[in-house]
Amino acid sequence: MKLAKLCAAAGYPCDADINVTGFAIDNRKVAPGTVFGAFQGSQVNGEDFIDAAIESGAVAVVARPGAKVEGAIHIADDTPRRAFAALAAQYFTPVPDHIVAVTGTNGKTSTVEMTRQIWRMAGERAASIGTLGVTTPDESVSTGLTTPDIVTFLSNLSGLAREGVTHVAYEASSHGLSQYRNEGVAVEAAGFTNFSRDHLDYHADMEEYFAAKMRLFDEVVSDGATAVVWMGSGESGWNARAVEHASKRGLAIMTVGEQGEAIRLTKREPTQLGQSLTVEHEGKNRTINLPLIGAYQVSNALAAAGLALATGIDAGLVWDAVARLQPVRGRLERAVIAPSGAPVYVDYAHTPDALEAAIAALRPHVDGRLITVFGAGGDRDHGKRVPMGEAAAKASDVVIVTDDNPRGEDPAEIRRQVLAGAPRAREVGGRREAILAAIAEAGADDIVLVAGKGHETGQIIGSGENMRVLPFDDVDVARECAAEIARGAA
């Protein structure tokens, strides 16, 4: 494709009759004919690699007006990430016909995966993109970040379309939204799950964090798209503000939850294997047996239902699919039944609100004690550590504070900060030892929750050149510990 044609389609002046063969933001991936994106980051300045990119064959460079570009076309823009995304979106075609996005602090992964499941059960070829990676119609998964870089994101979408995928749900993180990592495609519906403290190591404050989230409604979604917003009881006000943003943009608004107008949750009762829901939609009351535990799983499932409805799926098919949803990897996933008979659950909860929600989800199913094992990640928001300790101590019967991903920090110092919020908790530094201790202690009526890492398969130790990722999967470790205890009792 010619550069001039790409620029014209994206709205940038350029009459260069040069053939474009690809896009890259890493100079090491530049080949002859590549358009290179040179962005200033918090740790690396892409402008430092412009000469290397041109030497490798870059025909154009998207960068700030003040950047030095010699030997290639300089596409200058004060917001080069946005310009690069607009150009790349013209190159990576086709894309699936139906694309939805989900933002919020917690629940993004579950909501996009549940949306994919509903589409699949309704007969559509569907995929999801997010923390779990790219999940395709045949259920295969390739791992990735919550929001991959713009080149990976767009090439994934195009690749899925070429494989016949028509429906895609993706996670829109605050990092990805603020860095224009998911731009340029038509998004017909967007979901907002909830909002609470997280990522304040990146965003200056909660208002900046919220503004990043709201780019999804303010700028990213298509004109006339549908905003699906969870409106549960006791909302803090952020969700109502999200509705205001959607309304100001002129989006169709679908509120969901106990206070929802489009989908109203009127009753919820825990059952042995899940929960019974009564939902009012289009003037009809429906009883749905959701095969998942936890109030927050209800919010995720109903938000996913709203997104499916917004993309034209028949209501009967949607509600039938909700009753057949499967658990999402690392989200209240039952890893094993301990030799004592106690179930062990693994969850990704790594914020105070998420930890509190995971504990609350399990509490109705506990006849004995709830034993919670968790830690906090290093090189991340220090301010959430004490509140995480407080959340665990408030609602658990036994708390064991251990290591999460220490990264470049002293693990003992991280634990000390968490323990300040849970002074009666037990400290067991090694995560495997902590999981073993919890399972060994659990009785037949107890439940063990291992929180923080969820689906992750490695533990990050160190940072920079000294960073190591040690194999560690909470689910696998829980099973190994249960087997070890069983052998010891034999």
Protein backbone atom coordinates (compact mmCIF):
# COMPACT_ATOMS: atom_id res chain seq x y z
CA MET A 1 0.00 0.00 0.00
CA LYS A 2 1.24 3.47 -0.87
CA LEU A 3 2.14 5.91 1.90
CA ALA A 4 0.19 8.71 0.23
CA LYS A 5 -2.98 6.62 0.27
CA LEU A 6 -2.52 5.73 3.94
CA CYS A 7 -1.95 9.36 4.89
CA ALA A 8 -4.96 10.57 2.91
CA ALA A 9 -7.23 8.01 4.57
CA ALA A 10 -5.93 8.98 8.02
CA GLY A 11 -6.17 12.72 7.32
CA TYR A 12 -2.46 13.58 7.13
CA PRO A 13 -0.91 15.54 4.24
CA CYS A 14 1.64 13.44 2.36
CA ASP A 15 1.99 12.81 -1.38
CA ALA A 16 4.93 10.39 -1.21
CA ASP A 17 4.51 7.57 -3.74
CA ILE A 18 6.33 5.09 -1.49
CA ASN A 19 5.31 1.50 -0.84
CA VAL A 20 4.66 0.63 2.82
CA THR A 21 5.36 -2.92 3.96
CA GLY A 22 4.61 -2.65 7.67
CA PHE A 23 4.57 -0.66 10.90
CA ALA A 24 6.85 -0.86 13.94
CA ILE A 25 7.52 0.93 17.23
CA ASP A 26 10.65 -1.14 17.93
CA ASN A 27 13.55 -0.22 15.64
CA ARG A 28 14.75 -3.84 15.83
CA LYS A 29 11.58 -4.88 13.98
CA VAL A 30 12.02 -2.37 11.16
CA ALA A 31 12.42 -3.75 7.64
CA PRO A 32 12.59 -1.95 4.28
CA GLY A 33 9.30 -0.13 3.72
CA THR A 34 8.34 0.19 7.40
CA VAL A 35 6.63 3.18 9.01
CA PHE A 36 8.38 3.72 12.35
CA GLY A 37 6.71 5.25 15.39
CA ALA A 38 9.10 7.24 17.59
CA PHE A 39 7.47 8.08 20.91
CA GLN A 40 8.75 9.57 24.12
CA GLY A 41 8.16 7.14 27.00
CA SER A 42 8.71 7.24 30.73
CA GLN A 43 11.86 5.11 30.47
CA VAL A 44 12.80 5.04 26.77
CA ASN A 45 12.69 7.79 24.15
CA GLY A 46 11.88 6.30 20.77
CA GLU A 47 13.33 9.37 19.07
CA ASP A 48 16.78 8.11 20.05
CA PHE A 49 16.31 5.22 17.62
CA ILE A 50 15.12 7.15 14.57
CA ASP A 51 18.48 6.96 12.79
CA ALA A 52 18.75 3.22 13.44
CA ALA A 53 15.23 2.69 12.12
CA ILE A 54 15.97 4.65 8.94
CA GLU A 55 19.20 2.73 8.47
CA SER A 56 17.15 -0.49 8.66
CA GLY A 57 14.81 0.72 5.93
CA ALA A 58 12.11 2.86 7.53
CA VAL A 59 10.50 5.00 4.80
CA ALA A 60 8.57 7.25 7.20
CA VAL A 61 8.79 8.24 10.85
CA VAL A 62 5.87 9.40 12.96
CA ALA A 63 7.21 11.70 15.66
CA ARG A 64 6.85 15.11 17.29
CA PRO A 65 7.38 18.15 15.07
CA GLY A 66 10.67 18.86 16.86
CA ALA A 67 12.13 15.40 16.29
CA LYS A 68 15.13 15.11 13.96
CA VAL A 69 14.28 12.94 10.94
CA GLU A 70 16.72 12.75 8.01
CA GLY A 71 16.47 10.28 5.16
CA ALA A 72 12.77 9.42 5.58
CA ILE A 73 9.38 11.14 5.45
CA HIS A 74 8.64 12.90 8.74
CA ILE A 75 4.96 12.66 9.64
CA ALA A 76 4.83 15.22 12.42
CA ASP A 77 2.14 15.43 15.06
CA ASP A 78 2.02 16.81 18.60
CA THR A 79 0.46 13.48 19.63
CA PRO A 80 2.48 11.02 17.57
CA ARG A 81 1.02 7.91 19.20
CA ARG A 82 -2.45 8.90 18.01
CA ALA A 83 -1.20 9.75 14.51
CA PHE A 84 0.67 6.46 14.26
CA ALA A 85 -2.44 4.54 15.31
CA ALA A 86 -4.57 6.34 12.72
CA LEU A 87 -2.10 5.44 9.96
CA ALA A 88 -1.62 1.84 11.09
CA ALA A 89 -5.38 1.29 11.22
CA GLN A 90 -5.54 2.04 7.48
CA TYR A 91 -2.88 -0.59 6.81
CA PHE A 92 -4.10 -3.47 8.97
CA THR A 93 -7.32 -4.45 7.21
CA PRO A 94 -9.79 -6.05 7.23
CA VAL A 95 -10.95 -6.18 10.86
CA PRO A 96 -13.92 -8.04 12.39
CA ASP A 97 -17.34 -6.51 11.79
CA HIS A 98 -18.30 -6.37 15.46
CA ILE A 99 -15.81 -5.02 18.00
CA VAL A 100 -16.54 -4.14 21.63
CA ALA A 101 -14.24 -2.87 24.38
CA VAL A 102 -14.38 -3.05 28.17
CA THR A 103 -12.72 -0.74 30.68
CA GLY A 104 -12.86 -0.39 34.47
CA THR A 105 -10.56 -1.23 37.37
CA ASN A 106 -11.71 -4.80 37.95
CA GLY A 107 -13.63 -7.30 35.85
CA LYS A 108 -12.32 -6.43 32.39
CA THR A 109 -10.83 -9.86 31.71
CA SER A 110 -13.90 -11.77 32.87
CA THR A 111 -16.30 -9.50 31.00
CA VAL A 112 -14.54 -9.74 27.62
CA GLU A 113 -14.12 -13.50 27.99
CA MET A 114 -17.78 -13.94 28.98
CA THR A 115 -18.81 -11.79 26.02
CA ARG A 116 -16.78 -14.08 23.76
CA GLN A 117 -18.46 -17.12 25.29
CA ILE A 118 -21.95 -15.68 24.78
CA TRP A 119 -21.20 -14.87 21.14
CA ARG A 120 -19.78 -18.36 20.58
CA MET A 121 -22.82 -20.05 22.11
CA ALA A 122 -25.01 -17.85 19.91
CA GLY A 123 -23.26 -19.29 16.86
CA GLU A 124 -20.80 -16.50 16.06
CA ARG A 125 -17.08 -16.88 15.37
CA ALA A 126 -15.73 -14.83 18.26
CA ALA A 127 -12.44 -13.99 19.97
CA SER A 128 -11.21 -11.93 22.91
CA ILE A 129 -8.02 -9.91 23.48
CA GLY A 130 -6.69 -8.99 26.91
CA THR A 131 -4.78 -10.10 29.98
CA LEU A 132 -5.25 -13.77 29.11
CA GLY A 133 -3.95 -13.10 25.59
CA VAL A 134 -5.86 -13.76 22.38
CA THR A 135 -8.54 -16.41 22.81
CA THR A 136 -9.72 -17.67 19.42
CA PRO A 137 -12.91 -19.50 18.38
CA ASP A 138 -11.25 -22.88 18.91
CA GLU A 139 -10.41 -21.85 22.52
CA SER A 140 -6.66 -21.63 21.88
CA VAL A 141 -4.89 -18.89 23.81
CA SER A 142 -1.70 -16.93 23.18
CA THR A 143 -0.51 -14.96 26.18
CA GLY A 144 -0.12 -11.20 26.19
CA LEU A 145 -0.54 -7.94 28.06
CA THR A 146 -3.89 -6.42 29.02
CA THR A 147 -3.55 -4.04 26.10
CA PRO A 148 -0.82 -4.96 23.59
CA ASP A 149 1.02 -2.30 21.60
CA ILE A 150 -0.91 -0.74 18.73
CA VAL A 151 0.88 -2.74 16.02
CA THR A 152 0.23 -6.06 17.77
CA PHE A 153 -3.36 -5.05 18.53
CA LEU A 154 -4.22 -4.09 14.95
CA SER A 155 -2.36 -6.99 13.38
CA ASN A 156 -4.16 -9.38 15.75
CA LEU A 157 -7.53 -7.93 14.73
CA SER A 158 -6.68 -8.20 11.05
CA GLY A 159 -5.39 -11.74 11.45
CA LEU A 160 -8.54 -12.79 13.26
CA ALA A 161 -10.72 -11.28 10.54
CA ARG A 162 -8.79 -13.18 7.88
CA GLU A 163 -9.47 -16.36 9.84
CA GLY A 164 -13.20 -15.66 9.68
CA VAL A 165 -13.69 -14.11 13.12
CA THR A 166 -16.59 -11.65 13.07
CA HIS A 167 -16.86 -10.66 16.75
CA VAL A 168 -14.05 -9.46 19.06
CA ALA A 169 -14.13 -8.17 22.64
CA TYR A 170 -11.00 -6.51 24.01
CA GLU A 171 -9.82 -5.06 27.30
CA ALA A 172 -9.15 -1.32 27.27
CA SER A 173 -6.76 -0.57 30.13
CA SER A 174 -5.99 2.93 31.36
CA HIS A 175 -2.40 2.51 30.15
CA GLY A 176 -3.56 1.41 26.73
CA LEU A 177 -6.10 4.21 26.44
CA SER A 178 -3.68 6.92 27.54
CA GLN A 179 -1.03 5.61 25.12
CA TYR A 180 -3.40 5.19 22.14
CA ARG A 181 -2.79 1.45 21.97
CA ASN A 182 -6.29 0.52 20.79
CA GLU A 183 -7.30 3.13 18.26
CA GLY A 184 -8.52 3.37 14.72
CA VAL A 185 -11.18 0.63 14.49
CA ALA A 186 -14.95 0.89 14.70
CA VAL A 187 -16.07 0.01 18.24
CA GLU A 188 -19.83 -0.49 18.34
CA ALA A 189 -20.21 -1.00 22.10
CA ALA A 190 -18.12 -0.36 25.20
CA GLY A 191 -18.50 -1.52 28.78
CA PHE A 192 -17.57 0.15 32.07
CA THR A 193 -17.38 -2.25 35.02
CA ASN A 194 -16.30 -0.30 38.11
CA PHE A 195 -13.68 2.13 39.34
CA SER A 196 -11.40 2.08 42.38
CA ARG A 197 -7.81 2.76 43.33
CA ASP A 198 -5.15 1.20 41.09
CA HIS A 199 -2.20 2.23 38.91
CA LEU A 200 -1.43 5.40 40.87
CA ASP A 201 2.21 4.61 40.24
CA TYR A 202 1.42 5.61 36.62
CA HIS A 203 -1.44 8.11 36.91
CA ALA A 204 -0.99 11.22 39.03
CA ASP A 205 -4.28 10.81 40.89
CA MET A 206 -7.74 9.25 40.65
CA GLU A 207 -9.06 11.99 38.39
CA GLU A 208 -6.28 11.44 35.86
CA TYR A 209 -6.85 7.69 36.09
CA PHE A 210 -10.58 8.15 35.47
CA ALA A 211 -9.94 10.54 32.57
CA ALA A 212 -7.79 7.87 30.92
CA LYS A 213 -10.64 5.37 31.28
CA MET A 214 -13.13 7.85 29.84
CA ARG A 215 -11.18 8.20 26.60
CA LEU A 216 -13.01 5.01 25.65
CA PHE A 217 -16.37 6.80 25.71
CA ASP A 218 -15.12 10.28 24.81
CA GLU A 219 -12.99 9.41 21.78
CA VAL A 220 -12.43 5.74 20.98
CA VAL A 221 -15.90 4.27 20.40
CA SER A 222 -17.75 4.99 17.18
CA ASP A 223 -20.41 7.68 16.94
CA GLY A 224 -23.74 6.22 17.96
CA ALA A 225 -22.14 3.30 19.81
CA THR A 226 -23.67 1.79 22.94
CA ALA A 227 -22.23 2.35 26.41
CA VAL A 228 -22.93 -0.55 28.78
CA VAL A 229 -22.42 0.65 32.37
CA TRP A 230 -22.80 -1.40 35.54
CA MET A 231 -25.03 0.36 38.07
CA GLY A 232 -25.08 -1.74 41.20
CA SER A 233 -26.32 -0.79 44.63
CA GLY A 234 -23.96 1.39 46.61
CA GLU A 235 -21.95 2.70 43.65
CA SER A 236 -19.39 5.33 44.64
CA GLY A 237 -20.45 7.80 41.94
CA TRP A 238 -17.78 7.00 39.35
CA ASN A 239 -20.17 4.85 37.32
CA ALA A 240 -22.73 7.65 37.23
CA ARG A 241 -19.99 9.93 35.93
CA ALA A 242 -19.23 7.37 33.24
CA VAL A 243 -22.89 7.56 32.18
CA GLU A 244 -22.54 11.35 32.00
CA HIS A 245 -19.56 11.01 29.67
CA ALA A 246 -21.46 8.59 27.45
CA SER A 247 -24.50 10.87 27.39
CA LYS A 248 -22.41 13.91 26.50
CA ARG A 249 -20.89 11.99 23.58
CA GLY A 250 -24.39 11.05 22.38
CA LEU A 251 -23.96 7.32 22.88
CA ALA A 252 -26.84 4.93 23.44
CA ILE A 253 -26.80 4.08 27.15
CA MET A 254 -27.53 0.65 28.59
CA THR A 255 -27.29 0.54 32.38
CA VAL A 256 -27.08 -2.85 34.04
CA GLY A 257 -27.42 -3.98 37.67
CA GLU A 258 -29.62 -3.47 40.73
CA GLN A 259 -30.08 0.15 39.60
CA GLY A 260 -29.95 -0.64 35.89
CA GLU A 261 -32.67 0.52 33.54
CA ALA A 262 -31.95 -1.75 30.56
CA ILE A 263 -31.10 -4.88 32.57
CA ARG A 264 -32.22 -4.81 36.18
CA LEU A 265 -31.04 -7.40 38.69
CA THR A 266 -33.97 -7.82 41.07
CA LYS A 267 -32.88 -10.88 43.03
CA ARG A 268 -29.75 -12.94 43.67
CA GLU A 269 -29.53 -16.09 45.77
CA PRO A 270 -26.38 -18.22 46.27
CA THR A 271 -26.76 -21.87 45.36
CA GLN A 272 -24.48 -24.84 45.94
CA LEU A 273 -22.76 -24.49 42.58
CA GLY A 274 -23.46 -20.88 41.69
CA GLN A 275 -26.33 -18.46 42.12
CA SER A 276 -29.89 -17.93 41.00
CA LEU A 277 -30.59 -14.57 39.38
CA THR A 278 -33.84 -12.82 38.61
CA VAL A 279 -33.36 -10.30 35.83
CA GLU A 280 -35.81 -7.84 34.29
CA HIS A 281 -35.16 -7.10 30.60
CA GLU A 282 -37.54 -5.65 28.00
CA GLY A 283 -40.45 -5.95 30.42
CA LYS A 284 -39.87 -9.63 31.14
CA ASN A 285 -38.63 -11.28 34.33
CA ARG A 286 -36.20 -14.13 33.77
CA THR A 287 -34.72 -16.57 36.26
CA ILE A 288 -31.18 -17.58 35.36
CA ASN A 289 -29.05 -20.13 37.14
CA LEU A 290 -25.58 -18.68 36.79
CA PRO A 291 -22.97 -21.44 37.29
CA LEU A 292 -20.47 -19.04 38.91
CA ILE A 293 -20.11 -17.85 42.50
CA GLY A 294 -19.71 -14.28 43.70
CA ALA A 295 -21.56 -11.00 43.33
CA TYR A 296 -18.87 -9.54 41.10
CA GLN A 297 -19.27 -12.47 38.70
CA VAL A 298 -22.89 -11.40 38.35
CA SER A 299 -21.83 -7.90 37.35
CA ASN A 300 -19.37 -9.29 34.82
CA ALA A 301 -21.92 -11.69 33.36
CA LEU A 302 -24.66 -9.09 33.04
CA ALA A 303 -22.29 -6.54 31.52
CA ALA A 304 -21.26 -9.19 28.99
CA ALA A 305 -24.92 -9.88 28.28
CA GLY A 306 -25.44 -6.17 27.65
CA LEU A 307 -22.54 -6.06 25.19
CA ALA A 308 -23.87 -9.10 23.35
CA LEU A 309 -27.32 -7.52 23.13
CA ALA A 310 -25.78 -4.28 21.88
CA THR A 311 -24.18 -6.17 19.01
CA GLY A 312 -27.50 -7.58 17.85
CA ILE A 313 -27.58 -11.01 19.48
CA ASP A 314 -31.11 -12.29 20.13
CA ALA A 315 -32.13 -11.90 23.79
CA GLY A 316 -33.21 -15.53 24.10
CA LEU A 317 -29.81 -16.73 22.92
CA VAL A 318 -28.03 -14.31 25.24
CA TRP A 319 -29.83 -15.39 28.41
CA ASP A 320 -29.52 -19.07 27.52
CA ALA A 321 -25.76 -18.54 27.12
CA VAL A 322 -25.43 -16.68 30.44
CA ALA A 323 -26.75 -19.80 32.18
CA ARG A 324 -23.91 -21.81 30.59
CA LEU A 325 -20.96 -19.49 31.20
CA GLN A 326 -17.71 -21.14 32.22
CA PRO A 327 -15.24 -19.77 34.82
CA VAL A 328 -12.47 -17.57 33.52
CA ARG A 329 -8.87 -18.66 34.14
CA GLY A 330 -7.60 -17.36 37.48
CA ARG A 331 -10.88 -15.66 38.40
CA LEU A 332 -12.29 -17.50 41.42
CA GLU A 333 -10.98 -20.64 39.78
CA ARG A 334 -11.31 -23.72 41.97
CA ALA A 335 -7.83 -25.17 41.83
CA VAL A 336 -8.18 -28.27 43.98
CA ILE A 337 -10.04 -29.90 46.85
CA ALA A 338 -7.66 -30.29 49.79
CA PRO A 339 -7.30 -33.71 51.45
CA SER A 340 -9.43 -32.34 54.26
CA GLY A 341 -12.24 -31.57 51.82
CA ALA A 342 -11.66 -27.80 51.78
CA PRO A 343 -11.88 -26.20 48.32
CA VAL A 344 -8.97 -23.97 47.27
CA TYR A 345 -9.75 -21.02 45.00
CA VAL A 346 -7.31 -18.89 43.02
CA ASP A 347 -8.16 -15.30 42.08
CA TYR A 348 -6.38 -12.40 40.36
CA ALA A 349 -7.54 -9.87 42.98
CA HIS A 350 -4.67 -7.40 43.45
CA THR A 351 -6.47 -4.24 44.61
CA PRO A 352 -8.30 -3.62 47.90
CA ASP A 353 -11.71 -3.60 46.22
CA ALA A 354 -11.00 -6.74 44.20
CA LEU A 355 -9.71 -8.59 47.27
CA GLU A 356 -12.76 -7.55 49.26
CA ALA A 357 -15.03 -8.70 46.40
CA ALA A 358 -13.32 -12.09 46.08
CA ILE A 359 -13.64 -12.70 49.82
CA ALA A 360 -17.27 -11.59 49.77
CA ALA A 361 -17.93 -13.97 46.88
CA LEU A 362 -16.68 -16.94 48.89
CA ARG A 363 -18.14 -15.99 52.26
CA PRO A 364 -21.68 -17.38 51.66
CA HIS A 365 -20.15 -20.77 50.87
CA VAL A 366 -18.04 -20.98 54.05
CA ASP A 367 -19.32 -23.01 56.97
CA GLY A 368 -16.01 -22.87 58.84
CA ARG A 369 -13.15 -20.44 58.26
CA LEU A 370 -12.06 -18.45 55.24
CA ILE A 371 -8.26 -18.58 54.93
CA THR A 372 -6.78 -15.91 52.65
CA VAL A 373 -3.25 -15.98 51.22
CA PHE A 374 -2.06 -12.90 49.36
CA GLY A 375 0.73 -10.35 48.86
CA ALA A 376 1.36 -7.16 46.92
CA GLY A 377 3.41 -6.54 43.80
CA GLY A 378 6.68 -4.63 43.89
CA ASP A 379 7.40 -1.48 41.87
CA ARG A 380 3.69 -0.67 41.87
CA ASP A 381 1.36 1.63 43.80
CA HIS A 382 2.56 1.52 47.44
CA GLY A 383 -0.59 3.24 48.66
CA LYS A 384 -2.83 0.23 48.13
CA ARG A 385 -0.82 -2.14 50.31
CA VAL A 386 -2.20 -1.16 53.71
CA PRO A 387 -5.80 -1.08 52.38
CA MET A 388 -5.29 -4.57 50.93
CA GLY A 389 -4.17 -5.79 54.34
CA GLU A 390 -7.19 -4.13 55.92
CA ALA A 391 -9.58 -5.68 53.39
CA ALA A 392 -8.21 -9.16 54.01
CA ALA A 393 -8.17 -8.79 57.80
CA LYS A 394 -11.70 -7.41 57.94
CA ALA A 395 -13.39 -10.26 56.11
CA SER A 396 -11.12 -13.32 56.51
CA ASP A 397 -10.82 -15.61 59.51
CA VAL A 398 -7.16 -16.41 58.86
CA VAL A 399 -4.78 -14.21 56.84
CA ILE A 400 -1.36 -15.24 55.56
CA VAL A 401 0.71 -12.47 53.97
CA THR A 402 3.27 -13.69 51.48
CA ASP A 403 5.19 -12.57 48.37
CA ASP A 404 3.51 -11.69 45.08
CA ASN A 405 5.81 -10.37 42.33
CA PRO A 406 8.48 -8.50 44.32
CA ARG A 407 10.19 -7.18 41.19
CA GLY A 408 12.90 -4.70 42.21
CA GLU A 409 11.76 -4.17 45.80
CA ASP A 410 12.73 -5.93 49.03
CA PRO A 411 10.01 -8.58 49.54
CA ALA A 412 10.22 -8.25 53.33
CA GLU A 413 9.52 -4.51 53.09
CA ILE A 414 6.50 -5.10 50.88
CA ARG A 415 5.15 -7.61 53.38
CA ARG A 416 5.79 -5.19 56.22
CA GLN A 417 3.66 -2.55 54.52
CA VAL A 418 0.83 -5.00 53.88
CA LEU A 419 1.00 -6.28 57.48
CA ALA A 420 0.51 -2.72 58.73
CA GLY A 421 -3.08 -3.16 57.55
CA ALA A 422 -3.38 -6.68 58.94
CA PRO A 423 -1.33 -6.74 62.15
CA ARG A 424 -2.73 -10.10 63.29
CA ALA A 425 -1.92 -11.83 60.02
CA ARG A 426 0.71 -14.53 59.74
CA GLU A 427 3.80 -13.80 57.62
CA VAL A 428 5.17 -16.53 55.36
CA GLY A 429 7.59 -15.12 52.81
CA GLY A 430 7.80 -18.00 50.33
CA ARG A 431 4.61 -18.15 48.29
CA ARG A 432 4.70 -21.92 47.91
CA GLU A 433 5.25 -22.33 51.66
CA ALA A 434 2.36 -19.97 52.36
CA ILE A 435 -0.01 -21.90 50.09
CA LEU A 436 1.13 -25.18 51.64
CA ALA A 437 0.54 -23.83 55.15
CA ALA A 438 -2.96 -22.61 54.28
CA ILE A 439 -4.03 -25.91 52.71
CA ALA A 440 -2.51 -27.94 55.54
CA GLU A 441 -4.44 -25.89 58.10
CA ALA A 442 -7.79 -25.96 56.29
CA GLY A 443 -10.49 -28.16 57.71
CA ALA A 444 -13.43 -29.78 55.96
CA ASP A 445 -15.70 -26.74 56.40
CA ASP A 446 -13.04 -24.18 55.48
CA ILE A 447 -12.25 -22.46 52.16
CA VAL A 448 -8.81 -21.28 51.06
CA LEU A 449 -8.41 -18.22 48.82
CA VAL A 450 -5.05 -17.63 47.12
CA ALA A 451 -5.21 -14.11 45.71
CA GLY A 452 -3.10 -11.76 43.64
CA LYS A 453 -1.64 -13.67 40.70
CA GLY A 454 -4.58 -15.54 39.22
CA HIS A 455 -3.74 -16.78 35.73
CA GLU A 456 -0.06 -15.77 35.88
CA THR A 457 2.46 -18.56 35.33
CA GLY A 458 5.58 -16.82 36.64
CA GLN A 459 6.85 -14.89 39.65
CA ILE A 460 8.83 -11.75 38.80
CA ILE A 461 11.99 -11.27 40.84
CA GLY A 462 14.28 -8.28 40.34
CA SER A 463 14.07 -5.52 37.75
CA GLY A 464 15.88 -4.26 34.68
CA GLU A 465 18.78 -6.44 33.61
CA ASN A 466 18.49 -8.41 36.85
CA MET A 467 14.86 -9.35 36.32
CA ARG A 468 14.01 -13.06 36.41
CA VAL A 469 10.67 -14.74 35.90
CA LEU A 470 10.51 -17.94 37.92
CA PRO A 471 7.90 -20.55 36.92
CA PHE A 472 5.01 -20.21 39.35
CA ASP A 473 1.33 -20.96 38.75
CA ASP A 474 -0.89 -20.65 41.84
CA VAL A 475 -3.27 -23.31 40.51
CA ASP A 476 -0.50 -25.81 39.83
CA VAL A 477 1.21 -25.04 43.14
CA ALA A 478 -2.04 -25.48 45.08
CA ARG A 479 -2.53 -28.88 43.47
CA GLU A 480 1.06 -29.90 44.19
CA CYS A 481 0.72 -28.82 47.82
CA ALA A 482 -2.54 -30.72 48.24
CA ALA A 483 -0.88 -33.83 46.78
CA GLU A 484 2.08 -33.41 49.11
CA ILE A 485 -0.21 -33.20 52.13
CA ALA A 486 -2.13 -36.26 50.95
CA ARG A 487 1.09 -38.27 50.59
CA GLY A 488 2.17 -37.22 54.06
CA ALA A 489 -1.12 -38.40 55.53
CA ALA A 490 -0.99 -41.76 53.74
